[in-house]
Amino acid sequence: MTTEKIIMIVDDNATNLKLASDVLEIEGFQVVRCSDAEGALASIEKKHPDLILMDIALPGIDGLEFTRLLKANDATRHIRIIALTAFAMKQDHERALAAGCDGFITKPIDTRRFKDQIIPYL
């Protein structure tokens, strides 16, 4: 599958970042990799992602706060954001949605299903 869609992955764990990126790049997506919110913010202005996969537990500005910032900004509020997190409790899911996330995927990702989990958000 070849697509023009740009997916940004924000995750401070290098292994998780590489795995998710590799799976999506194999599927033909252009992937922007970021390890923290500050780097992601700088990249958003240059790359204009269609979707952000957001780790919740980021250093500095955490993923929920970063999602709130993006959703409060007219220039970025349209970007769909999926929480990508090891936090799998019901209250974690509710907190992510309350912060403005459009969806929720738990880690570790299922590499066979990952693409199908994000397609509805593109």
PDB file of N, CA and C in Angstrom:
ATOM      1  N   MET A   1       0.847  -1.187   0.000  1.00  0.00           N
ATOM      2  CA  MET A   1       0.000   0.000   0.000  1.00  0.00           C
ATOM      3  C   MET A   1       0.882   1.235   0.000  1.00  0.00           C
ATOM      4  N   THR A   2       0.663   2.119  -0.928  1.00  0.00           N
ATOM      5  CA  THR A   2       1.400   3.374  -0.966  1.00  0.00           C
ATOM      6  C   THR A   2       0.427   4.483  -0.638  1.00  0.00           C
ATOM      7  N   THR A   3       0.853   5.407   0.174  1.00  0.00           N
ATOM      8  CA  THR A   3      -0.019   6.488   0.588  1.00  0.00           C
ATOM      9  C   THR A   3       0.784   7.758   0.746  1.00  0.00           C
ATOM     10  N   GLU A   4       0.117   8.867   0.631  1.00  0.00           N
ATOM     11  CA  GLU A   4       0.761  10.160   0.844  1.00  0.00           C
ATOM     12  C   GLU A   4       0.588  10.626   2.287  1.00  0.00           C
ATOM     13  N   LYS A   5      -0.060   9.841   3.088  1.00  0.00           N
ATOM     14  CA  LYS A   5      -0.329  10.229   4.468  1.00  0.00           C
ATOM     15  C   LYS A   5       0.954  10.265   5.289  1.00  0.00           C
ATOM     16  N   ILE A   6       1.056  11.279   6.140  1.00  0.00           N
ATOM     17  CA  ILE A   6       2.209  11.421   7.031  1.00  0.00           C
ATOM     18  C   ILE A   6       1.753  11.104   8.444  1.00  0.00           C
ATOM     19  N   ILE A   7       2.439  10.165   9.062  1.00  0.00           N
ATOM     20  CA  ILE A   7       2.127   9.777  10.434  1.00  0.00           C
ATOM     21  C   ILE A   7       3.323  10.132  11.307  1.00  0.00           C
ATOM     22  N   MET A   8       3.058  10.874  12.359  1.00  0.00           N
ATOM     23  CA  MET A   8       4.089  11.203  13.332  1.00  0.00           C
ATOM     24  C   MET A   8       3.942  10.264  14.520  1.00  0.00           C
ATOM     25  N   ILE A   9       5.055   9.708  14.960  1.00  0.00           N
ATOM     26  CA  ILE A   9       5.056   8.877  16.156  1.00  0.00           C
ATOM     27  C   ILE A   9       5.904   9.586  17.193  1.00  0.00           C
ATOM     28  N   VAL A  10       5.318   9.837  18.363  1.00  0.00           N
ATOM     29  CA  VAL A  10       6.018  10.499  19.461  1.00  0.00           C
ATOM     30  C   VAL A  10       6.147   9.482  20.588  1.00  0.00           C
ATOM     31  N   ASP A  11       7.371   8.987  20.793  1.00  0.00           N
ATOM     32  CA  ASP A  11       7.607   7.968  21.820  1.00  0.00           C
ATOM     33  C   ASP A  11       9.055   8.076  22.272  1.00  0.00           C
ATOM     34  N   ASP A  12       9.273   8.141  23.566  1.00  0.00           N
ATOM     35  CA  ASP A  12      10.639   8.282  24.087  1.00  0.00           C
ATOM     36  C   ASP A  12      11.373   6.946  24.205  1.00  0.00           C
ATOM     37  N   ASN A  13      10.668   5.831  23.989  1.00  0.00           N
ATOM     38  CA  ASN A  13      11.311   4.521  24.017  1.00  0.00           C
ATOM     39  C   ASN A  13      11.767   4.183  22.604  1.00  0.00           C
ATOM     40  N   ALA A  14      13.089   4.118  22.397  1.00  0.00           N
ATOM     41  CA  ALA A  14      13.643   3.931  21.058  1.00  0.00           C
ATOM     42  C   ALA A  14      13.169   2.637  20.403  1.00  0.00           C
ATOM     43  N   THR A  15      13.022   1.571  21.186  1.00  0.00           N
ATOM     44  CA  THR A  15      12.578   0.284  20.637  1.00  0.00           C
ATOM     45  C   THR A  15      11.138   0.377  20.145  1.00  0.00           C
ATOM     46  N   ASN A  16      10.260   0.955  20.958  1.00  0.00           N
ATOM     47  CA  ASN A  16       8.859   1.117  20.556  1.00  0.00           C
ATOM     48  C   ASN A  16       8.737   2.028  19.337  1.00  0.00           C
ATOM     49  N   LEU A  17       9.513   3.098  19.329  1.00  0.00           N
ATOM     50  CA  LEU A  17       9.487   4.046  18.221  1.00  0.00           C
ATOM     51  C   LEU A  17       9.917   3.363  16.922  1.00  0.00           C
ATOM     52  N   LYS A  18      10.973   2.590  16.988  1.00  0.00           N
ATOM     53  CA  LYS A  18      11.478   1.897  15.790  1.00  0.00           C
ATOM     54  C   LYS A  18      10.484   0.855  15.292  1.00  0.00           C
ATOM     55  N   LEU A  19       9.932   0.064  16.196  1.00  0.00           N
ATOM     56  CA  LEU A  19       8.992  -0.979  15.794  1.00  0.00           C
ATOM     57  C   LEU A  19       7.769  -0.381  15.109  1.00  0.00           C
ATOM     58  N   ALA A  20       7.132   0.590  15.737  1.00  0.00           N
ATOM     59  CA  ALA A  20       5.931   1.202  15.153  1.00  0.00           C
ATOM     60  C   ALA A  20       6.261   1.868  13.818  1.00  0.00           C
ATOM     61  N   SER A  21       7.384   2.564  13.758  1.00  0.00           N
ATOM     62  CA  SER A  21       7.787   3.234  12.518  1.00  0.00           C
ATOM     63  C   SER A  21       8.039   2.225  11.406  1.00  0.00           C
ATOM     64  N   ASP A  22       8.779   1.179  11.719  1.00  0.00           N
ATOM     65  CA  ASP A  22       9.109   0.170  10.705  1.00  0.00           C
ATOM     66  C   ASP A  22       7.850  -0.479  10.142  1.00  0.00           C
ATOM     67  N   VAL A  23       6.913  -0.820  11.005  1.00  0.00           N
ATOM     68  CA  VAL A  23       5.670  -1.452  10.558  1.00  0.00           C
ATOM     69  C   VAL A  23       4.928  -0.530   9.589  1.00  0.00           C
ATOM     70  N   LEU A  24       4.828   0.746   9.920  1.00  0.00           N
ATOM     71  CA  LEU A  24       4.084   1.677   9.069  1.00  0.00           C
ATOM     72  C   LEU A  24       4.838   2.019   7.789  1.00  0.00           C
ATOM     73  N   GLU A  25       6.155   2.112   7.865  1.00  0.00           N
ATOM     74  CA  GLU A  25       6.940   2.394   6.655  1.00  0.00           C
ATOM     75  C   GLU A  25       6.843   1.234   5.670  1.00  0.00           C
ATOM     76  N   ILE A  26       6.829   0.010   6.166  1.00  0.00           N
ATOM     77  CA  ILE A  26       6.660  -1.161   5.295  1.00  0.00           C
ATOM     78  C   ILE A  26       5.317  -1.088   4.563  1.00  0.00           C
ATOM     79  N   GLU A  27       4.324  -0.517   5.229  1.00  0.00           N
ATOM     80  CA  GLU A  27       2.994  -0.371   4.627  1.00  0.00           C
ATOM     81  C   GLU A  27       2.906   0.823   3.680  1.00  0.00           C
ATOM     82  N   GLY A  28       3.988   1.599   3.558  1.00  0.00           N
ATOM     83  CA  GLY A  28       4.016   2.696   2.598  1.00  0.00           C
ATOM     84  C   GLY A  28       3.735   4.078   3.158  1.00  0.00           C
ATOM     85  N   PHE A  29       3.614   4.180   4.469  1.00  0.00           N
ATOM     86  CA  PHE A  29       3.380   5.490   5.063  1.00  0.00           C
ATOM     87  C   PHE A  29       4.692   6.249   5.232  1.00  0.00           C
ATOM     88  N   GLN A  30       4.604   7.569   5.153  1.00  0.00           N
ATOM     89  CA  GLN A  30       5.740   8.403   5.507  1.00  0.00           C
ATOM     90  C   GLN A  30       5.645   8.616   7.016  1.00  0.00           C
ATOM     91  N   VAL A  31       6.716   8.296   7.733  1.00  0.00           N
ATOM     92  CA  VAL A  31       6.707   8.375   9.190  1.00  0.00           C
ATOM     93  C   VAL A  31       7.713   9.410   9.670  1.00  0.00           C
ATOM     94  N   VAL A  32       7.266  10.245  10.590  1.00  0.00           N
ATOM     95  CA  VAL A  32       8.130  11.209  11.257  1.00  0.00           C
ATOM     96  C   VAL A  32       8.301  10.719  12.684  1.00  0.00           C
ATOM     97  N   ARG A  33       9.543  10.522  13.107  1.00  0.00           N
ATOM     98  CA  ARG A  33       9.831   9.981  14.438  1.00  0.00           C
ATOM     99  C   ARG A  33      10.274  11.111  15.367  1.00  0.00           C
ATOM    100  N   CYS A  34       9.663  11.151  16.553  1.00  0.00           N
ATOM    101  CA  CYS A  34      10.027  12.144  17.564  1.00  0.00           C
ATOM    102  C   CYS A  34      10.089  11.465  18.923  1.00  0.00           C
ATOM    103  N   SER A  35      11.037  11.889  19.748  1.00  0.00           N
ATOM    104  CA  SER A  35      11.195  11.256  21.052  1.00  0.00           C
ATOM    105  C   SER A  35      10.640  12.096  22.200  1.00  0.00           C
ATOM    106  N   ASP A  36      10.176  13.305  21.909  1.00  0.00           N
ATOM    107  CA  ASP A  36       9.571  14.134  22.957  1.00  0.00           C
ATOM    108  C   ASP A  36       8.647  15.173  22.334  1.00  0.00           C
ATOM    109  N   ALA A  37       7.852  15.815  23.175  1.00  0.00           N
ATOM    110  CA  ALA A  37       6.867  16.782  22.700  1.00  0.00           C
ATOM    111  C   ALA A  37       7.525  17.996  22.052  1.00  0.00           C
ATOM    112  N   GLU A  38       8.625  18.435  22.608  1.00  0.00           N
ATOM    113  CA  GLU A  38       9.289  19.617  22.071  1.00  0.00           C
ATOM    114  C   GLU A  38       9.768  19.382  20.637  1.00  0.00           C
ATOM    115  N   GLY A  39      10.385  18.228  20.409  1.00  0.00           N
ATOM    116  CA  GLY A  39      10.823  17.883  19.059  1.00  0.00           C
ATOM    117  C   GLY A  39       9.649  17.698  18.115  1.00  0.00           C
ATOM    118  N   ALA A  40       8.583  17.114  18.620  1.00  0.00           N
ATOM    119  CA  ALA A  40       7.395  16.907  17.804  1.00  0.00           C
ATOM    120  C   ALA A  40       6.786  18.242  17.386  1.00  0.00           C
ATOM    121  N   LEU A  41       6.730  19.181  18.297  1.00  0.00           N
ATOM    122  CA  LEU A  41       6.156  20.488  17.988  1.00  0.00           C
ATOM    123  C   LEU A  41       6.921  21.162  16.856  1.00  0.00           C
ATOM    124  N   ALA A  42       8.238  21.098  16.896  1.00  0.00           N
ATOM    125  CA  ALA A  42       9.054  21.678  15.829  1.00  0.00           C
ATOM    126  C   ALA A  42       8.815  20.948  14.505  1.00  0.00           C
ATOM    127  N   SER A  43       8.661  19.634  14.546  1.00  0.00           N
ATOM    128  CA  SER A  43       8.451  18.853  13.330  1.00  0.00           C
ATOM    129  C   SER A  43       7.059  19.054  12.744  1.00  0.00           C
ATOM    130  N   ILE A  44       6.068  19.279  13.581  1.00  0.00           N
ATOM    131  CA  ILE A  44       4.690  19.467  13.105  1.00  0.00           C
ATOM    132  C   ILE A  44       4.621  20.652  12.151  1.00  0.00           C
ATOM    133  N   GLU A  45       5.322  21.719  12.469  1.00  0.00           N
ATOM    134  CA  GLU A  45       5.286  22.917  11.629  1.00  0.00           C
ATOM    135  C   GLU A  45       5.912  22.671  10.261  1.00  0.00           C
ATOM    136  N   LYS A  46       6.861  21.737  10.180  1.00  0.00           N
ATOM    137  CA  LYS A  46       7.545  21.452   8.912  1.00  0.00           C
ATOM    138  C   LYS A  46       6.869  20.335   8.124  1.00  0.00           C
ATOM    139  N   LYS A  47       6.391  19.309   8.823  1.00  0.00           N
ATOM    140  CA  LYS A  47       5.910  18.091   8.165  1.00  0.00           C
ATOM    141  C   LYS A  47       4.395  18.002   8.004  1.00  0.00           C
ATOM    142  N   HIS A  48       3.617  18.718   8.809  1.00  0.00           N
ATOM    143  CA  HIS A  48       2.158  18.713   8.745  1.00  0.00           C
ATOM    144  C   HIS A  48       1.574  17.297   8.729  1.00  0.00           C
ATOM    145  N   PRO A  49       1.721  16.546   9.822  1.00  0.00           N
ATOM    146  CA  PRO A  49       1.235  15.162   9.844  1.00  0.00           C
ATOM    147  C   PRO A  49      -0.284  15.080   9.760  1.00  0.00           C
ATOM    148  N   ASP A  50      -0.746  13.980   9.182  1.00  0.00           N
ATOM    149  CA  ASP A  50      -2.180  13.700   9.113  1.00  0.00           C
ATOM    150  C   ASP A  50      -2.663  13.019  10.386  1.00  0.00           C
ATOM    151  N   LEU A  51      -1.735  12.342  11.077  1.00  0.00           N
ATOM    152  CA  LEU A  51      -2.067  11.580  12.273  1.00  0.00           C
ATOM    153  C   LEU A  51      -0.855  11.567  13.196  1.00  0.00           C
ATOM    154  N   ILE A  52      -1.110  11.662  14.490  1.00  0.00           N
ATOM    155  CA  ILE A  52      -0.037  11.553  15.482  1.00  0.00           C
ATOM    156  C   ILE A  52      -0.350  10.371  16.389  1.00  0.00           C
ATOM    157  N   LEU A  53       0.629   9.483  16.540  1.00  0.00           N
ATOM    158  CA  LEU A  53       0.547   8.402  17.520  1.00  0.00           C
ATOM    159  C   LEU A  53       1.335   8.874  18.723  1.00  0.00           C
ATOM    160  N   MET A  54       0.656   9.117  19.830  1.00  0.00           N
ATOM    161  CA  MET A  54       1.214   9.822  20.971  1.00  0.00           C
ATOM    162  C   MET A  54       1.395   8.920  22.185  1.00  0.00           C
ATOM    163  N   ASP A  55       2.649   8.734  22.579  1.00  0.00           N
ATOM    164  CA  ASP A  55       2.918   8.060  23.845  1.00  0.00           C
ATOM    165  C   ASP A  55       2.423   8.980  24.959  1.00  0.00           C
ATOM    166  N   ILE A  56       1.861   8.407  25.985  1.00  0.00           N
ATOM    167  CA  ILE A  56       1.346   9.213  27.095  1.00  0.00           C
ATOM    168  C   ILE A  56       2.467   9.610  28.049  1.00  0.00           C
ATOM    169  N   ALA A  57       3.378   8.696  28.333  1.00  0.00           N
ATOM    170  CA  ALA A  57       4.442   8.938  29.316  1.00  0.00           C
ATOM    171  C   ALA A  57       5.693   9.461  28.609  1.00  0.00           C
ATOM    172  N   LEU A  58       5.684  10.738  28.302  1.00  0.00           N
ATOM    173  CA  LEU A  58       6.834  11.381  27.669  1.00  0.00           C
ATOM    174  C   LEU A  58       7.599  12.197  28.702  1.00  0.00           C
ATOM    175  N   PRO A  59       8.902  12.366  28.504  1.00  0.00           N
ATOM    176  CA  PRO A  59       9.658  13.257  29.394  1.00  0.00           C
ATOM    177  C   PRO A  59       9.272  14.705  29.115  1.00  0.00           C
ATOM    178  N   GLY A  60       9.380  15.551  30.107  1.00  0.00           N
ATOM    179  CA  GLY A  60       8.997  16.957  29.908  1.00  0.00           C
ATOM    180  C   GLY A  60       7.490  17.073  29.830  1.00  0.00           C
ATOM    181  N   ILE A  61       6.994  17.593  28.731  1.00  0.00           N
ATOM    182  CA  ILE A  61       5.551  17.697  28.518  1.00  0.00           C
ATOM    183  C   ILE A  61       5.032  16.297  28.197  1.00  0.00           C
ATOM    184  N   ASP A  62       4.130  15.768  29.045  1.00  0.00           N
ATOM    185  CA  ASP A  62       3.639  14.416  28.783  1.00  0.00           C
ATOM    186  C   ASP A  62       2.658  14.413  27.610  1.00  0.00           C
ATOM    187  N   GLY A  63       2.330  13.237  27.127  1.00  0.00           N
ATOM    188  CA  GLY A  63       1.502  13.110  25.940  1.00  0.00           C
ATOM    189  C   GLY A  63       0.106  13.677  26.083  1.00  0.00           C
ATOM    190  N   LEU A  64      -0.482  13.589  27.262  1.00  0.00           N
ATOM    191  CA  LEU A  64      -1.823  14.146  27.456  1.00  0.00           C
ATOM    192  C   LEU A  64      -1.787  15.667  27.418  1.00  0.00           C
ATOM    193  N   GLU A  65      -0.807  16.264  28.086  1.00  0.00           N
ATOM    194  CA  GLU A  65      -0.677  17.724  28.057  1.00  0.00           C
ATOM    195  C   GLU A  65      -0.368  18.210  26.642  1.00  0.00           C
ATOM    196  N   PHE A  66       0.488  17.491  25.931  1.00  0.00           N
ATOM    197  CA  PHE A  66       0.817  17.868  24.566  1.00  0.00           C
ATOM    198  C   PHE A  66      -0.419  17.773  23.672  1.00  0.00           C
ATOM    199  N   THR A  67      -1.222  16.740  23.870  1.00  0.00           N
ATOM    200  CA  THR A  67      -2.471  16.615  23.110  1.00  0.00           C
ATOM    201  C   THR A  67      -3.381  17.800  23.385  1.00  0.00           C
ATOM    202  N   ARG A  68      -3.509  18.180  24.651  1.00  0.00           N
ATOM    203  CA  ARG A  68      -4.342  19.347  24.990  1.00  0.00           C
ATOM    204  C   ARG A  68      -3.837  20.608  24.287  1.00  0.00           C
ATOM    205  N   LEU A  69      -2.521  20.790  24.268  1.00  0.00           N
ATOM    206  CA  LEU A  69      -1.936  21.966  23.601  1.00  0.00           C
ATOM    207  C   LEU A  69      -2.243  21.958  22.104  1.00  0.00           C
ATOM    208  N   LEU A  70      -2.097  20.808  21.473  1.00  0.00           N
ATOM    209  CA  LEU A  70      -2.365  20.723  20.037  1.00  0.00           C
ATOM    210  C   LEU A  70      -3.833  20.950  19.716  1.00  0.00           C
ATOM    211  N   LYS A  71      -4.715  20.402  20.537  1.00  0.00           N
ATOM    212  CA  LYS A  71      -6.154  20.546  20.291  1.00  0.00           C
ATOM    213  C   LYS A  71      -6.657  21.962  20.602  1.00  0.00           C
ATOM    214  N   ALA A  72      -5.913  22.715  21.411  1.00  0.00           N
ATOM    215  CA  ALA A  72      -6.297  24.086  21.739  1.00  0.00           C
ATOM    216  C   ALA A  72      -5.799  25.094  20.693  1.00  0.00           C
ATOM    217  N   ASN A  73      -4.952  24.656  19.786  1.00  0.00           N
ATOM    218  CA  ASN A  73      -4.345  25.531  18.792  1.00  0.00           C
ATOM    219  C   ASN A  73      -5.093  25.391  17.466  1.00  0.00           C
ATOM    220  N   ASP A  74      -5.557  26.508  16.908  1.00  0.00           N
ATOM    221  CA  ASP A  74      -6.303  26.456  15.644  1.00  0.00           C
ATOM    222  C   ASP A  74      -5.518  25.803  14.513  1.00  0.00           C
ATOM    223  N   ALA A  75      -4.207  25.966  14.522  1.00  0.00           N
ATOM    224  CA  ALA A  75      -3.374  25.437  13.436  1.00  0.00           C
ATOM    225  C   ALA A  75      -3.189  23.922  13.506  1.00  0.00           C
ATOM    226  N   THR A  76      -3.398  23.323  14.689  1.00  0.00           N
ATOM    227  CA  THR A  76      -3.133  21.883  14.837  1.00  0.00           C
ATOM    228  C   THR A  76      -4.339  21.086  15.338  1.00  0.00           C
ATOM    229  N   ARG A  77      -5.425  21.738  15.676  1.00  0.00           N
ATOM    230  CA  ARG A  77      -6.553  21.011  16.284  1.00  0.00           C
ATOM    231  C   ARG A  77      -7.158  19.969  15.352  1.00  0.00           C
ATOM    232  N   HIS A  78      -6.984  20.113  14.048  1.00  0.00           N
ATOM    233  CA  HIS A  78      -7.550  19.167  13.084  1.00  0.00           C
ATOM    234  C   HIS A  78      -6.779  17.843  13.015  1.00  0.00           C
ATOM    235  N   ILE A  79      -5.563  17.813  13.531  1.00  0.00           N
ATOM    236  CA  ILE A  79      -4.738  16.602  13.450  1.00  0.00           C
ATOM    237  C   ILE A  79      -5.322  15.533  14.370  1.00  0.00           C
ATOM    238  N   ARG A  80      -5.569  14.361  13.815  1.00  0.00           N
ATOM    239  CA  ARG A  80      -6.071  13.250  14.623  1.00  0.00           C
ATOM    240  C   ARG A  80      -4.931  12.724  15.479  1.00  0.00           C
ATOM    241  N   ILE A  81      -5.233  12.390  16.725  1.00  0.00           N
ATOM    242  CA  ILE A  81      -4.225  11.896  17.662  1.00  0.00           C
ATOM    243  C   ILE A  81      -4.726  10.598  18.287  1.00  0.00           C
ATOM    244  N   ILE A  82      -3.867   9.583  18.232  1.00  0.00           N
ATOM    245  CA  ILE A  82      -4.166   8.312  18.887  1.00  0.00           C
ATOM    246  C   ILE A  82      -3.165   8.130  20.017  1.00  0.00           C
ATOM    247  N   ALA A  83      -3.674   7.899  21.220  1.00  0.00           N
ATOM    248  CA  ALA A  83      -2.804   7.572  22.346  1.00  0.00           C
ATOM    249  C   ALA A  83      -2.213   6.193  22.086  1.00  0.00           C
ATOM    250  N   LEU A  84      -0.898   6.100  22.207  1.00  0.00           N
ATOM    251  CA  LEU A  84      -0.181   4.835  22.013  1.00  0.00           C
ATOM    252  C   LEU A  84       0.576   4.594  23.305  1.00  0.00           C
ATOM    253  N   THR A  85       0.043   3.717  24.153  1.00  0.00           N
ATOM    254  CA  THR A  85       0.548   3.661  25.517  1.00  0.00           C
ATOM    255  C   THR A  85       0.492   2.275  26.135  1.00  0.00           C
ATOM    256  N   ALA A  86       1.354   2.064  27.079  1.00  0.00           N
ATOM    257  CA  ALA A  86       1.337   0.827  27.862  1.00  0.00           C
ATOM    258  C   ALA A  86       0.288   0.890  28.967  1.00  0.00           C
ATOM    259  N   PHE A  87      -0.239   2.081  29.240  1.00  0.00           N
ATOM    260  CA  PHE A  87      -1.283   2.226  30.255  1.00  0.00           C
ATOM    261  C   PHE A  87      -2.595   1.713  29.672  1.00  0.00           C
ATOM    262  N   ALA A  88      -3.074   0.591  30.193  1.00  0.00           N
ATOM    263  CA  ALA A  88      -4.213  -0.086  29.573  1.00  0.00           C
ATOM    264  C   ALA A  88      -5.473  -0.110  30.436  1.00  0.00           C
ATOM    265  N   MET A  89      -5.468   0.589  31.544  1.00  0.00           N
ATOM    266  CA  MET A  89      -6.644   0.597  32.416  1.00  0.00           C
ATOM    267  C   MET A  89      -7.740   1.486  31.815  1.00  0.00           C
ATOM    268  N   LYS A  90      -8.981   1.194  32.181  1.00  0.00           N
ATOM    269  CA  LYS A  90     -10.115   1.953  31.651  1.00  0.00           C
ATOM    270  C   LYS A  90      -9.968   3.443  31.918  1.00  0.00           C
ATOM    271  N   GLN A  91      -9.488   3.805  33.112  1.00  0.00           N
ATOM    272  CA  GLN A  91      -9.345   5.225  33.428  1.00  0.00           C
ATOM    273  C   GLN A  91      -8.269   5.896  32.568  1.00  0.00           C
ATOM    274  N   ASP A  92      -7.256   5.131  32.131  1.00  0.00           N
ATOM    275  CA  ASP A  92      -6.239   5.680  31.236  1.00  0.00           C
ATOM    276  C   ASP A  92      -6.854   6.005  29.878  1.00  0.00           C
ATOM    277  N   HIS A  93      -7.695   5.113  29.410  1.00  0.00           N
ATOM    278  CA  HIS A  93      -8.397   5.332  28.144  1.00  0.00           C
ATOM    279  C   HIS A  93      -9.278   6.576  28.255  1.00  0.00           C
ATOM    280  N   GLU A  94     -10.015   6.690  29.341  1.00  0.00           N
ATOM    281  CA  GLU A  94     -10.901   7.843  29.551  1.00  0.00           C
ATOM    282  C   GLU A  94     -10.106   9.144  29.653  1.00  0.00           C
ATOM    283  N   ARG A  95      -8.966   9.109  30.339  1.00  0.00           N
ATOM    284  CA  ARG A  95      -8.114  10.308  30.458  1.00  0.00           C
ATOM    285  C   ARG A  95      -7.585  10.745  29.093  1.00  0.00           C
ATOM    286  N   ALA A  96      -7.198   9.781  28.264  1.00  0.00           N
ATOM    287  CA  ALA A  96      -6.685  10.095  26.927  1.00  0.00           C
ATOM    288  C   ALA A  96      -7.773  10.747  26.075  1.00  0.00           C
ATOM    289  N   LEU A  97      -8.970  10.198  26.097  1.00  0.00           N
ATOM    290  CA  LEU A  97     -10.064  10.777  25.330  1.00  0.00           C
ATOM    291  C   LEU A  97     -10.440  12.158  25.858  1.00  0.00           C
ATOM    292  N   ALA A  98     -10.440  12.318  27.171  1.00  0.00           N
ATOM    293  CA  ALA A  98     -10.752  13.616  27.768  1.00  0.00           C
ATOM    294  C   ALA A  98      -9.719  14.677  27.398  1.00  0.00           C
ATOM    295  N   ALA A  99      -8.480  14.268  27.190  1.00  0.00           N
ATOM    296  CA  ALA A  99      -7.415  15.204  26.813  1.00  0.00           C
ATOM    297  C   ALA A  99      -7.520  15.612  25.341  1.00  0.00           C
ATOM    298  N   GLY A 100      -8.305  14.862  24.564  1.00  0.00           N
ATOM    299  CA  GLY A 100      -8.476  15.203  23.159  1.00  0.00           C
ATOM    300  C   GLY A 100      -8.021  14.142  22.181  1.00  0.00           C
ATOM    301  N   CYS A 101      -7.536  13.016  22.682  1.00  0.00           N
ATOM    302  CA  CYS A 101      -7.135  11.935  21.784  1.00  0.00           C
ATOM    303  C   CYS A 101      -8.366  11.393  21.068  1.00  0.00           C
ATOM    304  N   ASP A 102      -8.181  11.035  19.818  1.00  0.00           N
ATOM    305  CA  ASP A 102      -9.275  10.508  19.011  1.00  0.00           C
ATOM    306  C   ASP A 102      -9.401   8.993  19.127  1.00  0.00           C
ATOM    307  N   GLY A 103      -8.337   8.338  19.601  1.00  0.00           N
ATOM    308  CA  GLY A 103      -8.335   6.898  19.738  1.00  0.00           C
ATOM    309  C   GLY A 103      -7.284   6.457  20.735  1.00  0.00           C
ATOM    310  N   PHE A 104      -7.189   5.146  20.927  1.00  0.00           N
ATOM    311  CA  PHE A 104      -6.344   4.593  21.977  1.00  0.00           C
ATOM    312  C   PHE A 104      -5.854   3.221  21.535  1.00  0.00           C
ATOM    313  N   ILE A 105      -4.539   3.028  21.500  1.00  0.00           N
ATOM    314  CA  ILE A 105      -3.941   1.728  21.182  1.00  0.00           C
ATOM    315  C   ILE A 105      -2.954   1.399  22.295  1.00  0.00           C
ATOM    316  N   THR A 106      -3.049   0.176  22.812  1.00  0.00           N
ATOM    317  CA  THR A 106      -2.136  -0.218  23.882  1.00  0.00           C
ATOM    318  C   THR A 106      -0.872  -0.847  23.313  1.00  0.00           C
ATOM    319  N   LYS A 107       0.219  -0.650  24.042  1.00  0.00           N
ATOM    320  CA  LYS A 107       1.499  -1.274  23.726  1.00  0.00           C
ATOM    321  C   LYS A 107       1.670  -2.479  24.632  1.00  0.00           C
ATOM    322  N   PRO A 108       2.379  -3.470  24.206  1.00  0.00           N
ATOM    323  CA  PRO A 108       3.083  -3.532  22.928  1.00  0.00           C
ATOM    324  C   PRO A 108       2.095  -3.661  21.775  1.00  0.00           C
ATOM    325  N   ILE A 109       2.445  -3.080  20.635  1.00  0.00           N
ATOM    326  CA  ILE A 109       1.558  -3.140  19.481  1.00  0.00           C
ATOM    327  C   ILE A 109       1.534  -4.552  18.915  1.00  0.00           C
ATOM    328  N   ASP A 110       0.421  -4.881  18.300  1.00  0.00           N
ATOM    329  CA  ASP A 110       0.285  -6.131  17.553  1.00  0.00           C
ATOM    330  C   ASP A 110       0.638  -5.780  16.110  1.00  0.00           C
ATOM    331  N   THR A 111       1.807  -6.180  15.665  1.00  0.00           N
ATOM    332  CA  THR A 111       2.297  -5.769  14.350  1.00  0.00           C
ATOM    333  C   THR A 111       1.393  -6.232  13.210  1.00  0.00           C
ATOM    334  N   ARG A 112       0.633  -7.295  13.416  1.00  0.00           N
ATOM    335  CA  ARG A 112      -0.270  -7.790  12.366  1.00  0.00           C
ATOM    336  C   ARG A 112      -1.519  -6.928  12.248  1.00  0.00           C
ATOM    337  N   ARG A 113      -1.907  -6.266  13.324  1.00  0.00           N
ATOM    338  CA  ARG A 113      -3.150  -5.484  13.346  1.00  0.00           C
ATOM    339  C   ARG A 113      -2.910  -3.979  13.341  1.00  0.00           C
ATOM    340  N   PHE A 114      -1.693  -3.553  13.543  1.00  0.00           N
ATOM    341  CA  PHE A 114      -1.391  -2.143  13.782  1.00  0.00           C
ATOM    342  C   PHE A 114      -1.919  -1.231  12.674  1.00  0.00           C
ATOM    343  N   LYS A 115      -1.622  -1.555  11.424  1.00  0.00           N
ATOM    344  CA  LYS A 115      -2.083  -0.723  10.311  1.00  0.00           C
ATOM    345  C   LYS A 115      -3.604  -0.606  10.325  1.00  0.00           C
ATOM    346  N   ASP A 116      -4.293  -1.721  10.514  1.00  0.00           N
ATOM    347  CA  ASP A 116      -5.755  -1.712  10.516  1.00  0.00           C
ATOM    348  C   ASP A 116      -6.324  -0.906  11.682  1.00  0.00           C
ATOM    349  N   GLN A 117      -5.576  -0.795  12.775  1.00  0.00           N
ATOM    350  CA  GLN A 117      -6.037  -0.010  13.911  1.00  0.00           C
ATOM    351  C   GLN A 117      -5.971   1.490  13.646  1.00  0.00           C
ATOM    352  N   ILE A 118      -5.035   1.921  12.805  1.00  0.00           N
ATOM    353  CA  ILE A 118      -4.899   3.365  12.572  1.00  0.00           C
ATOM    354  C   ILE A 118      -5.624   3.861  11.319  1.00  0.00           C
ATOM    355  N   ILE A 119      -5.880   2.976  10.373  1.00  0.00           N
ATOM    356  CA  ILE A 119      -6.527   3.368   9.108  1.00  0.00           C
ATOM    357  C   ILE A 119      -7.808   4.175   9.326  1.00  0.00           C
ATOM    358  N   PRO A 120      -8.699   3.802  10.249  1.00  0.00           N
ATOM    359  CA  PRO A 120      -9.928   4.585  10.421  1.00  0.00           C
ATOM    360  C   PRO A 120      -9.688   6.053  10.808  1.00  0.00           C
ATOM    361  N   TYR A 121      -8.506   6.373  11.304  1.00  0.00           N
ATOM    362  CA  TYR A 121      -8.220   7.740  11.747  1.00  0.00           C
ATOM    363  C   TYR A 121      -7.570   8.596  10.670  1.00  0.00           C
ATOM    364  N   LEU A 122      -7.299   8.005   9.514  1.00  0.00           N
ATOM    365  CA  LEU A 122      -6.649   8.749   8.425  1.00  0.00           C
ATOM    366  C   LEU A 122      -7.671   9.276   7.433  1.00  0.00           C
TER     367      LEU A 122
END
